[in-house]
Amino acid sequence: GVPFLGICLGMQMLYQESEEGGLIKGLGIVPGRVTRFNGRLKVPHMGWNQVRQQRDHPLWQGIPDLTRFYFVHSYYVAAVDRGLVAASVNYGVDFDAALARDNLFAVQFHPEKSHTAGLRLLRNFLEWNGRC
């Protein structure tokens, strides 16, 4: 029941498998695969993107929908269980920007590099009791 926040690779590690470094096993907490962006897109994906909140969560408190967060990654995820998706983003393909389940919240973006909104998300996490 202890709150968990995964950031970037910390989100990707939750999945069953990843294409990064060949096909490797993840922790298997979330069903699905981490996939490399296709060759048409510049990688790594670096920069600010609007995050579409897909559902309410205590970590979104005080953060408006479509707020920009900072991303830097070459791989992305799309959860098999769409009920886990807390936010999404588009960079040539729609992918999951945040997942939430029970005491777990994970983000593909970097809140520590995302100015005021990122600091708010981190503060919300520190105040979160792990329940929705």
N, C-alpha and C. Protein backbone atom coordinates (compact mmCIF):
# COMPACT_ATOMS: atom_id res chain seq x y z
N GLY A 1 0.78 -1.20 0.00
CA GLY A 1 0.00 0.00 0.00
C GLY A 1 0.82 1.27 0.00
N VAL A 2 2.16 1.16 0.02
CA VAL A 2 3.01 2.34 0.01
C VAL A 2 2.96 2.97 -1.38
N PRO A 3 2.74 4.28 -1.48
CA PRO A 3 2.70 4.92 -2.80
C PRO A 3 4.00 4.71 -3.58
N PHE A 4 3.87 4.46 -4.88
CA PHE A 4 5.00 4.24 -5.79
C PHE A 4 4.87 5.19 -6.95
N LEU A 5 5.95 5.89 -7.29
CA LEU A 5 5.98 6.76 -8.46
C LEU A 5 7.11 6.31 -9.37
N GLY A 6 6.76 5.85 -10.58
CA GLY A 6 7.76 5.49 -11.58
C GLY A 6 7.91 6.64 -12.56
N ILE A 7 9.15 6.99 -12.88
CA ILE A 7 9.42 8.08 -13.81
C ILE A 7 10.25 7.55 -14.98
N CYS A 8 9.77 7.79 -16.20
CA CYS A 8 10.43 7.42 -17.46
C CYS A 8 10.75 5.93 -17.49
N LEU A 9 12.01 5.56 -17.35
CA LEU A 9 12.37 4.15 -17.35
C LEU A 9 11.68 3.42 -16.21
N GLY A 10 11.40 4.13 -15.11
CA GLY A 10 10.67 3.55 -13.99
C GLY A 10 9.26 3.14 -14.37
N MET A 11 8.69 3.78 -15.37
CA MET A 11 7.39 3.36 -15.92
C MET A 11 7.58 2.18 -16.86
N GLN A 12 8.57 2.27 -17.73
CA GLN A 12 8.79 1.22 -18.73
C GLN A 12 9.13 -0.13 -18.09
N MET A 13 9.85 -0.11 -16.98
CA MET A 13 10.25 -1.36 -16.31
C MET A 13 9.05 -2.14 -15.77
N LEU A 14 7.91 -1.49 -15.59
CA LEU A 14 6.72 -2.14 -15.06
C LEU A 14 6.10 -3.12 -16.05
N TYR A 15 6.41 -2.98 -17.32
CA TYR A 15 5.80 -3.80 -18.36
C TYR A 15 6.43 -5.20 -18.44
N GLN A 16 5.77 -6.08 -19.20
CA GLN A 16 6.23 -7.47 -19.34
C GLN A 16 7.54 -7.58 -20.11
N GLU A 17 7.68 -6.76 -21.16
CA GLU A 17 8.88 -6.86 -21.97
C GLU A 17 9.18 -5.56 -22.68
N SER A 18 10.44 -5.45 -23.14
CA SER A 18 10.89 -4.23 -23.81
C SER A 18 11.74 -4.60 -25.01
N GLU A 19 11.64 -3.79 -26.05
CA GLU A 19 12.48 -3.95 -27.24
C GLU A 19 13.86 -3.31 -27.04
N GLU A 20 14.04 -2.55 -25.98
CA GLU A 20 15.30 -1.85 -25.76
C GLU A 20 16.40 -2.85 -25.41
N GLY A 21 17.50 -2.82 -26.18
CA GLY A 21 18.60 -3.76 -25.94
C GLY A 21 18.27 -5.17 -26.37
N GLY A 22 17.42 -5.33 -27.38
CA GLY A 22 16.90 -6.64 -27.74
C GLY A 22 15.62 -6.85 -26.96
N LEU A 23 14.99 -7.97 -27.12
CA LEU A 23 13.75 -8.23 -26.39
C LEU A 23 14.11 -8.74 -24.99
N ILE A 24 13.82 -7.92 -23.98
CA ILE A 24 14.16 -8.29 -22.61
C ILE A 24 12.91 -8.28 -21.73
N LYS A 25 12.95 -9.04 -20.66
CA LYS A 25 11.82 -9.10 -19.74
C LYS A 25 11.82 -7.90 -18.81
N GLY A 26 10.60 -7.43 -18.53
CA GLY A 26 10.42 -6.37 -17.54
C GLY A 26 9.92 -6.99 -16.25
N LEU A 27 9.42 -6.18 -15.36
CA LEU A 27 8.92 -6.66 -14.07
C LEU A 27 7.59 -7.39 -14.21
N GLY A 28 6.85 -7.14 -15.30
CA GLY A 28 5.60 -7.85 -15.53
C GLY A 28 4.43 -7.39 -14.67
N ILE A 29 4.52 -6.22 -14.09
CA ILE A 29 3.44 -5.69 -13.26
C ILE A 29 2.30 -5.19 -14.13
N VAL A 30 2.64 -4.69 -15.32
CA VAL A 30 1.66 -4.18 -16.28
C VAL A 30 1.80 -4.99 -17.57
N PRO A 31 0.70 -5.56 -18.08
CA PRO A 31 0.80 -6.30 -19.34
C PRO A 31 1.06 -5.38 -20.52
N GLY A 32 2.00 -5.79 -21.37
CA GLY A 32 2.30 -5.02 -22.56
C GLY A 32 3.79 -4.98 -22.84
N ARG A 33 4.14 -4.27 -23.91
CA ARG A 33 5.51 -4.19 -24.39
C ARG A 33 5.95 -2.75 -24.59
N VAL A 34 7.20 -2.49 -24.27
CA VAL A 34 7.82 -1.20 -24.54
C VAL A 34 8.38 -1.27 -25.96
N THR A 35 7.98 -0.32 -26.80
CA THR A 35 8.27 -0.35 -28.23
C THR A 35 9.08 0.87 -28.64
N ARG A 36 10.03 0.70 -29.57
CA ARG A 36 10.81 1.81 -30.08
C ARG A 36 9.97 2.62 -31.07
N PHE A 37 10.12 3.94 -31.02
CA PHE A 37 9.47 4.78 -32.03
C PHE A 37 9.96 4.36 -33.41
N ASN A 38 9.08 4.43 -34.40
CA ASN A 38 9.47 3.99 -35.75
C ASN A 38 10.46 4.96 -36.37
N GLY A 39 11.06 4.55 -37.47
CA GLY A 39 12.13 5.29 -38.13
C GLY A 39 11.75 6.65 -38.69
N ARG A 40 10.46 6.94 -38.83
CA ARG A 40 10.04 8.24 -39.36
C ARG A 40 10.19 9.36 -38.34
N LEU A 41 10.23 9.00 -37.07
CA LEU A 41 10.26 10.01 -36.00
C LEU A 41 11.68 10.23 -35.50
N LYS A 42 11.96 11.46 -35.16
CA LYS A 42 13.26 11.79 -34.58
C LYS A 42 13.32 11.20 -33.16
N VAL A 43 14.39 10.46 -32.90
CA VAL A 43 14.60 9.92 -31.55
C VAL A 43 15.98 10.34 -31.07
N PRO A 44 16.12 10.58 -29.80
CA PRO A 44 15.03 10.46 -28.83
C PRO A 44 14.00 11.57 -28.99
N HIS A 45 12.80 11.26 -28.56
CA HIS A 45 11.74 12.26 -28.46
C HIS A 45 12.12 13.16 -27.29
N MET A 46 12.49 14.39 -27.60
CA MET A 46 12.91 15.34 -26.57
C MET A 46 12.10 16.61 -26.71
N GLY A 47 11.49 17.03 -25.62
CA GLY A 47 10.79 18.30 -25.64
C GLY A 47 9.49 18.26 -24.89
N TRP A 48 8.76 19.35 -25.05
CA TRP A 48 7.53 19.57 -24.31
C TRP A 48 6.33 19.10 -25.12
N ASN A 49 5.46 18.32 -24.49
CA ASN A 49 4.24 17.86 -25.14
C ASN A 49 3.06 18.01 -24.19
N GLN A 50 1.89 18.28 -24.79
CA GLN A 50 0.67 18.37 -24.00
C GLN A 50 0.21 16.98 -23.59
N VAL A 51 -0.07 16.83 -22.31
CA VAL A 51 -0.52 15.56 -21.75
C VAL A 51 -2.03 15.62 -21.56
N ARG A 52 -2.72 14.65 -22.16
CA ARG A 52 -4.18 14.55 -22.05
C ARG A 52 -4.53 13.63 -20.88
N GLN A 53 -5.09 14.20 -19.84
CA GLN A 53 -5.50 13.38 -18.69
C GLN A 53 -6.69 12.52 -19.10
N GLN A 54 -6.59 11.23 -18.84
CA GLN A 54 -7.64 10.29 -19.23
C GLN A 54 -8.61 9.99 -18.09
N ARG A 55 -8.17 10.26 -16.86
CA ARG A 55 -9.04 10.03 -15.71
C ARG A 55 -8.54 10.84 -14.52
N ASP A 56 -9.45 11.06 -13.59
CA ASP A 56 -9.09 11.80 -12.38
C ASP A 56 -8.14 10.96 -11.53
N HIS A 57 -7.24 11.65 -10.86
CA HIS A 57 -6.31 11.00 -9.94
C HIS A 57 -5.78 12.07 -9.00
N PRO A 58 -5.50 11.71 -7.75
CA PRO A 58 -4.96 12.71 -6.81
C PRO A 58 -3.68 13.39 -7.30
N LEU A 59 -2.87 12.72 -8.12
CA LEU A 59 -1.64 13.35 -8.59
C LEU A 59 -1.88 14.43 -9.63
N TRP A 60 -3.08 14.47 -10.21
CA TRP A 60 -3.43 15.54 -11.17
C TRP A 60 -3.99 16.77 -10.48
N GLN A 61 -4.19 16.72 -9.17
CA GLN A 61 -4.79 17.85 -8.46
C GLN A 61 -4.01 19.14 -8.73
N GLY A 62 -4.71 20.17 -9.20
CA GLY A 62 -4.09 21.46 -9.48
C GLY A 62 -3.33 21.53 -10.79
N ILE A 63 -3.41 20.47 -11.60
CA ILE A 63 -2.73 20.44 -12.91
C ILE A 63 -3.80 20.36 -13.99
N PRO A 64 -3.97 21.40 -14.78
CA PRO A 64 -5.00 21.39 -15.82
C PRO A 64 -4.72 20.34 -16.90
N ASP A 65 -5.79 19.83 -17.49
CA ASP A 65 -5.66 18.95 -18.65
C ASP A 65 -4.91 19.68 -19.75
N LEU A 66 -4.16 18.98 -20.54
CA LEU A 66 -3.36 19.48 -21.66
C LEU A 66 -2.18 20.34 -21.22
N THR A 67 -1.76 20.18 -19.96
CA THR A 67 -0.54 20.83 -19.49
C THR A 67 0.65 20.20 -20.19
N ARG A 68 1.66 21.00 -20.49
CA ARG A 68 2.88 20.49 -21.13
C ARG A 68 3.86 19.97 -20.09
N PHE A 69 4.40 18.78 -20.38
CA PHE A 69 5.45 18.17 -19.58
C PHE A 69 6.63 17.85 -20.48
N TYR A 70 7.80 17.69 -19.89
CA TYR A 70 9.03 17.46 -20.65
C TYR A 70 9.30 15.96 -20.81
N PHE A 71 9.55 15.55 -22.05
CA PHE A 71 9.83 14.15 -22.39
C PHE A 71 11.23 14.02 -22.96
N VAL A 72 11.88 12.90 -22.68
CA VAL A 72 13.13 12.51 -23.36
C VAL A 72 13.20 10.98 -23.32
N HIS A 73 12.90 10.35 -24.48
CA HIS A 73 12.88 8.89 -24.56
C HIS A 73 12.83 8.45 -26.01
N SER A 74 13.23 7.20 -26.25
CA SER A 74 13.21 6.62 -27.59
C SER A 74 12.22 5.48 -27.70
N TYR A 75 11.64 5.08 -26.57
CA TYR A 75 10.69 3.97 -26.51
C TYR A 75 9.42 4.45 -25.84
N TYR A 76 8.31 3.82 -26.17
CA TYR A 76 7.03 4.22 -25.62
C TYR A 76 6.21 2.99 -25.25
N VAL A 77 5.12 3.23 -24.53
CA VAL A 77 4.26 2.13 -24.11
C VAL A 77 2.81 2.44 -24.45
N ALA A 78 2.07 1.38 -24.64
CA ALA A 78 0.61 1.44 -24.78
C ALA A 78 0.09 0.24 -24.00
N ALA A 79 -0.50 0.50 -22.85
CA ALA A 79 -0.95 -0.57 -21.95
C ALA A 79 -2.00 -1.44 -22.63
N VAL A 80 -1.91 -2.74 -22.41
CA VAL A 80 -2.94 -3.66 -22.89
C VAL A 80 -4.24 -3.37 -22.15
N ASP A 81 -4.16 -3.16 -20.85
CA ASP A 81 -5.32 -2.82 -20.03
C ASP A 81 -5.50 -1.30 -20.07
N ARG A 82 -6.38 -0.83 -20.93
CA ARG A 82 -6.57 0.61 -21.13
C ARG A 82 -7.16 1.29 -19.88
N GLY A 83 -7.70 0.51 -18.97
CA GLY A 83 -8.22 1.06 -17.73
C GLY A 83 -7.12 1.59 -16.82
N LEU A 84 -5.86 1.23 -17.08
CA LEU A 84 -4.73 1.70 -16.29
C LEU A 84 -4.24 3.08 -16.73
N VAL A 85 -4.64 3.52 -17.91
CA VAL A 85 -4.10 4.74 -18.50
C VAL A 85 -4.66 5.97 -17.79
N ALA A 86 -3.76 6.77 -17.21
CA ALA A 86 -4.15 8.00 -16.52
C ALA A 86 -3.95 9.23 -17.41
N ALA A 87 -3.10 9.08 -18.46
CA ALA A 87 -2.87 10.19 -19.40
C ALA A 87 -2.23 9.64 -20.66
N SER A 88 -2.40 10.39 -21.74
CA SER A 88 -1.79 10.00 -23.02
C SER A 88 -1.21 11.24 -23.68
N VAL A 89 -0.42 10.98 -24.73
CA VAL A 89 0.23 12.05 -25.48
C VAL A 89 0.42 11.56 -26.91
N ASN A 90 0.67 12.48 -27.83
CA ASN A 90 0.93 12.08 -29.21
C ASN A 90 2.28 12.64 -29.65
N TYR A 91 3.10 11.75 -30.17
CA TYR A 91 4.35 12.12 -30.84
C TYR A 91 4.44 11.22 -32.07
N GLY A 92 3.67 11.54 -33.07
CA GLY A 92 3.60 10.71 -34.27
C GLY A 92 2.77 9.45 -34.07
N VAL A 93 2.58 9.07 -32.85
CA VAL A 93 1.75 7.94 -32.44
C VAL A 93 1.22 8.27 -31.04
N ASP A 94 0.00 7.85 -30.77
CA ASP A 94 -0.52 8.01 -29.41
C ASP A 94 0.14 6.99 -28.50
N PHE A 95 0.56 7.44 -27.33
CA PHE A 95 1.11 6.51 -26.34
C PHE A 95 0.75 6.97 -24.95
N ASP A 96 0.99 6.10 -23.99
CA ASP A 96 0.61 6.37 -22.61
C ASP A 96 1.64 7.26 -21.94
N ALA A 97 1.16 8.36 -21.37
CA ALA A 97 2.03 9.29 -20.65
C ALA A 97 2.00 9.02 -19.15
N ALA A 98 0.94 8.36 -18.65
CA ALA A 98 0.84 8.05 -17.23
C ALA A 98 -0.07 6.84 -17.03
N LEU A 99 0.29 6.04 -16.04
CA LEU A 99 -0.50 4.86 -15.63
C LEU A 99 -0.84 5.01 -14.16
N ALA A 100 -1.98 4.46 -13.77
CA ALA A 100 -2.36 4.46 -12.36
C ALA A 100 -3.09 3.17 -12.03
N ARG A 101 -2.69 2.57 -10.92
CA ARG A 101 -3.39 1.39 -10.39
C ARG A 101 -3.09 1.31 -8.90
N ASP A 102 -4.13 1.31 -8.10
CA ASP A 102 -3.99 1.21 -6.66
C ASP A 102 -2.99 2.25 -6.15
N ASN A 103 -1.89 1.80 -5.56
CA ASN A 103 -0.89 2.70 -4.99
C ASN A 103 0.23 3.06 -5.97
N LEU A 104 0.06 2.67 -7.23
CA LEU A 104 1.08 2.88 -8.25
C LEU A 104 0.67 4.01 -9.19
N PHE A 105 1.61 4.91 -9.45
CA PHE A 105 1.44 5.95 -10.46
C PHE A 105 2.77 6.04 -11.20
N ALA A 106 2.74 6.02 -12.52
CA ALA A 106 3.97 6.06 -13.30
C ALA A 106 3.78 7.00 -14.49
N VAL A 107 4.85 7.73 -14.82
CA VAL A 107 4.79 8.71 -15.91
C VAL A 107 5.97 8.50 -16.86
N GLN A 108 5.72 8.71 -18.16
CA GLN A 108 6.78 8.62 -19.16
C GLN A 108 7.60 9.91 -19.19
N PHE A 109 6.99 11.03 -18.85
CA PHE A 109 7.67 12.31 -18.86
C PHE A 109 8.52 12.48 -17.59
N HIS A 110 9.25 13.58 -17.55
CA HIS A 110 10.12 13.89 -16.42
C HIS A 110 9.53 15.05 -15.62
N PRO A 111 8.83 14.77 -14.52
CA PRO A 111 8.28 15.88 -13.74
C PRO A 111 9.37 16.78 -13.16
N GLU A 112 10.52 16.22 -12.85
CA GLU A 112 11.61 17.01 -12.27
C GLU A 112 12.17 18.03 -13.25
N LYS A 113 11.83 17.90 -14.55
CA LYS A 113 12.28 18.84 -15.57
C LYS A 113 11.11 19.61 -16.17
N SER A 114 9.94 19.48 -15.55
CA SER A 114 8.71 20.02 -16.14
C SER A 114 8.17 21.24 -15.42
N HIS A 115 9.06 22.05 -14.89
CA HIS A 115 8.72 23.36 -14.32
C HIS A 115 7.63 23.25 -13.26
N THR A 116 6.73 24.19 -13.22
CA THR A 116 5.73 24.31 -12.16
C THR A 116 4.81 23.09 -12.11
N ALA A 117 4.34 22.62 -13.26
CA ALA A 117 3.43 21.46 -13.28
C ALA A 117 4.13 20.21 -12.76
N GLY A 118 5.38 20.03 -13.13
CA GLY A 118 6.12 18.87 -12.64
C GLY A 118 6.34 18.92 -11.14
N LEU A 119 6.67 20.11 -10.64
CA LEU A 119 6.83 20.26 -9.19
C LEU A 119 5.52 20.01 -8.47
N ARG A 120 4.41 20.44 -9.07
CA ARG A 120 3.10 20.20 -8.46
C ARG A 120 2.80 18.70 -8.41
N LEU A 121 3.10 17.97 -9.50
CA LEU A 121 2.88 16.54 -9.50
C LEU A 121 3.72 15.86 -8.42
N LEU A 122 4.96 16.26 -8.28
CA LEU A 122 5.83 15.68 -7.24
C LEU A 122 5.30 16.02 -5.84
N ARG A 123 4.83 17.23 -5.63
CA ARG A 123 4.25 17.60 -4.34
C ARG A 123 2.99 16.78 -4.08
N ASN A 124 2.16 16.61 -5.11
CA ASN A 124 0.96 15.78 -4.97
C ASN A 124 1.33 14.35 -4.57
N PHE A 125 2.40 13.84 -5.17
CA PHE A 125 2.84 12.49 -4.82
C PHE A 125 3.26 12.41 -3.34
N LEU A 126 4.00 13.39 -2.88
CA LEU A 126 4.45 13.40 -1.49
C LEU A 126 3.28 13.45 -0.50
N GLU A 127 2.18 14.06 -0.93
CA GLU A 127 1.01 14.18 -0.07
C GLU A 127 0.00 13.05 -0.26
N TRP A 128 0.23 12.18 -1.25
CA TRP A 128 -0.71 11.11 -1.61
C TRP A 128 -0.61 9.95 -0.62
N ASN A 129 -1.75 9.40 -0.24
CA ASN A 129 -1.76 8.27 0.68
C ASN A 129 -1.79 6.92 -0.04
N GLY A 130 -1.71 6.92 -1.37
CA GLY A 130 -1.70 5.69 -2.15
C GLY A 130 -3.09 5.18 -2.51
N ARG A 131 -4.11 5.97 -2.24
CA ARG A 131 -5.48 5.57 -2.58
C ARG A 131 -6.10 6.60 -3.52
N CYS A 132 -7.03 6.14 -4.33
CA CYS A 132 -7.72 7.05 -5.27
C CYS A 132 -9.07 7.44 -4.74
